[in-house]
Structures are given as C-alpha cells and as structure tokens.
C-alpha cells in the first residue's frame, strides 16, 4: 500500500504562508483520494481539504475556504496544501491521508506553528 511523507512545516508569523508537500510511494498514486487533516493541541483531528484522483474535484472545511488550497501533481506523486493568511489558530500537526475504498493510510504529520 501507499506510504506518505509530509514536509514543509515550521514556524511562521500571523499573516504568513506555508506550502506543505506530501510525497506518496509504494502504490499507484491516482488510485487514491488525498486529504489533509490537522490536529491542534487538545483537540480532535479535523479535515482541512480533500482532492479526488484527477484533481478536478476539491472540498474544503468552511473555515479554510479562500485561505487554503489543495492540489496534486500526479506525475510527481505529491499532494500539496498551500496555506495563506495564517492565523495562530491554524497551529497544529498537519497530516496527509490517502484513501481508496477500504484502504486508508496516514503520514507521520508535520508541525505548523503560527506565532508572533
């Protein structure tokens, strides 16, 4: 099955931007619907955005619409999360998820800290 590795996390000031890549390997990337989730300290994991196999259909959690953009490059087996106008409440560990039928795989997560 697919393995996922996130990167690109770090510390950024409020209003800043980050781009998180998630590289997939070990299986046919286009089999999978890809999503980004996040988990803030003391909170449950929540969905951020989802993109389907061809990249033509995307869904976002309401609070992230307009600030976050999910995309995928099927030639590079990579899904991205572009985050703009970051707020302190965006601080969380961001996880990449791959899903195909009953198969679901997660990456190890990458920490994003938004602070002045």
Protein backbone atom coordinates (compact mmCIF):
# COMPACT_ATOMS: atom_id res chain seq x y z
CA UNK A 1 0.00 0.00 0.00
CA UNK A 2 0.94 3.62 -0.31
CA UNK A 3 3.36 5.31 2.10
CA UNK A 4 3.12 9.02 2.79
CA UNK A 5 5.73 11.55 3.93
CA UNK A 6 4.76 15.12 4.79
CA UNK A 7 7.21 18.02 4.94
CA UNK A 8 7.24 21.81 4.84
CA UNK A 9 6.08 22.53 8.37
CA UNK A 10 7.69 25.12 10.58
CA UNK A 11 7.16 28.38 12.39
CA UNK A 12 5.57 31.36 10.67
CA UNK A 13 4.21 34.71 11.76
CA UNK A 14 0.50 35.52 11.56
CA UNK A 15 -0.40 36.52 8.00
CA UNK A 16 2.37 34.39 6.55
CA UNK A 17 2.22 31.46 4.15
CA UNK A 18 3.44 27.88 4.03
CA UNK A 19 3.25 25.14 1.44
CA UNK A 20 3.10 21.56 2.67
CA UNK A 21 4.01 18.75 0.27
CA UNK A 22 3.09 15.13 0.89
CA UNK A 23 5.04 12.62 -1.17
CA UNK A 24 3.48 9.23 -1.87
CA UNK A 25 5.24 6.00 -2.79
CA UNK A 26 4.62 2.29 -2.95
CA UNK A 27 1.40 2.22 -4.95
CA UNK A 28 -0.40 3.86 -7.87
CA UNK A 29 -0.97 7.41 -6.70
CA UNK A 30 -4.02 8.01 -8.88
CA UNK A 31 -5.92 5.23 -7.08
CA UNK A 32 -6.21 7.45 -4.05
CA UNK A 33 -8.32 10.35 -2.94
CA UNK A 34 -5.95 12.59 -0.97
CA UNK A 35 -6.79 14.73 2.02
CA UNK A 36 -5.13 16.98 4.54
CA UNK A 37 -6.19 16.85 8.17
CA UNK A 38 -4.89 18.69 11.17
CA UNK A 39 -4.86 18.21 14.93
CA UNK A 40 -4.35 21.10 17.30
CA UNK A 41 -3.18 20.54 20.88
CA UNK A 42 -6.01 19.16 22.97
CA UNK A 43 -8.38 18.92 20.02
CA UNK A 44 -9.63 16.18 17.73
CA UNK A 45 -8.25 15.67 14.27
CA UNK A 46 -10.26 17.59 11.66
CA UNK A 47 -10.43 17.57 7.90
CA UNK A 48 -8.85 20.51 6.11
CA UNK A 49 -9.26 19.70 2.42
CA UNK A 50 -9.78 16.80 0.01
CA UNK A 51 -8.89 16.33 -3.63
CA UNK A 52 -10.07 13.48 -5.84
CA UNK A 53 -7.99 11.34 -8.17
CA UNK A 54 -7.89 13.58 -11.23
CA UNK A 55 -7.67 16.78 -9.21
CA UNK A 56 -10.84 18.19 -10.71
CA UNK A 57 -12.92 17.99 -7.54
CA UNK A 58 -11.88 19.50 -4.23
CA UNK A 59 -13.58 20.07 -0.92
CA UNK A 60 -12.60 22.36 1.92
CA UNK A 61 -13.67 22.77 5.50
CA UNK A 62 -15.63 26.03 5.61
CA UNK A 63 -13.21 27.90 7.80
CA UNK A 64 -10.34 27.24 5.38
CA UNK A 65 -12.06 28.25 2.15
CA UNK A 66 -10.26 31.10 0.49
CA UNK A 67 -7.09 30.74 2.56
CA UNK A 68 -6.04 27.15 1.86
CA UNK A 69 -5.64 25.44 -1.50
CA UNK A 70 -5.15 21.72 -2.06
CA UNK A 71 -3.59 20.48 -5.27
CA UNK A 72 -1.92 17.36 -6.59
CA UNK A 73 0.74 16.57 -9.15
CA UNK A 74 0.06 13.01 -10.28
CA UNK A 75 3.31 12.94 -12.25
CA UNK A 76 5.24 13.60 -9.03
CA UNK A 77 3.01 11.50 -6.75
CA UNK A 78 2.63 14.51 -4.50
CA UNK A 79 -0.25 16.40 -2.93
CA UNK A 80 0.19 19.94 -1.67
CA UNK A 81 -1.51 22.23 0.80
CA UNK A 82 -0.91 25.92 0.20
CA UNK A 83 -1.79 27.92 3.30
CA UNK A 84 -2.06 31.70 3.15
CA UNK A 85 -3.03 34.37 5.68
CA UNK A 86 -2.16 32.01 8.50
CA UNK A 87 -3.64 32.61 11.94
CA UNK A 88 -2.48 31.44 15.37
CA UNK A 89 -5.48 29.09 15.44
CA UNK A 90 -4.02 27.29 12.43
CA UNK A 91 -1.28 25.95 14.71
CA UNK A 92 -1.48 22.15 14.53
CA UNK A 93 0.14 18.99 13.29
CA UNK A 94 -0.90 18.56 9.68
CA UNK A 95 -1.43 15.05 8.35
CA UNK A 96 -1.74 13.71 4.84
CA UNK A 97 -4.26 10.92 4.19
CA UNK A 98 -4.66 8.59 1.22
CA UNK A 99 -7.94 6.73 0.77
CA UNK A 100 -9.09 4.16 -1.76
CA UNK A 101 -12.09 2.01 -0.94
CA UNK A 102 -11.39 0.42 2.47
CA UNK A 103 -7.71 1.29 2.35
CA UNK A 104 -6.68 4.32 4.38
CA UNK A 105 -3.12 5.45 5.05
CA UNK A 106 -1.66 8.35 7.03
CA UNK A 107 1.64 10.14 7.07
CA UNK A 108 3.54 10.94 10.25
CA UNK A 109 2.49 14.59 10.29
CA UNK A 110 4.30 17.91 10.11
CA UNK A 111 4.03 20.64 12.73
CA UNK A 112 2.91 24.13 11.78
CA UNK A 113 3.24 26.85 14.40
CA UNK A 114 1.77 30.30 13.78
CA UNK A 115 3.02 32.80 16.31
CA UNK A 116 4.43 36.29 16.57
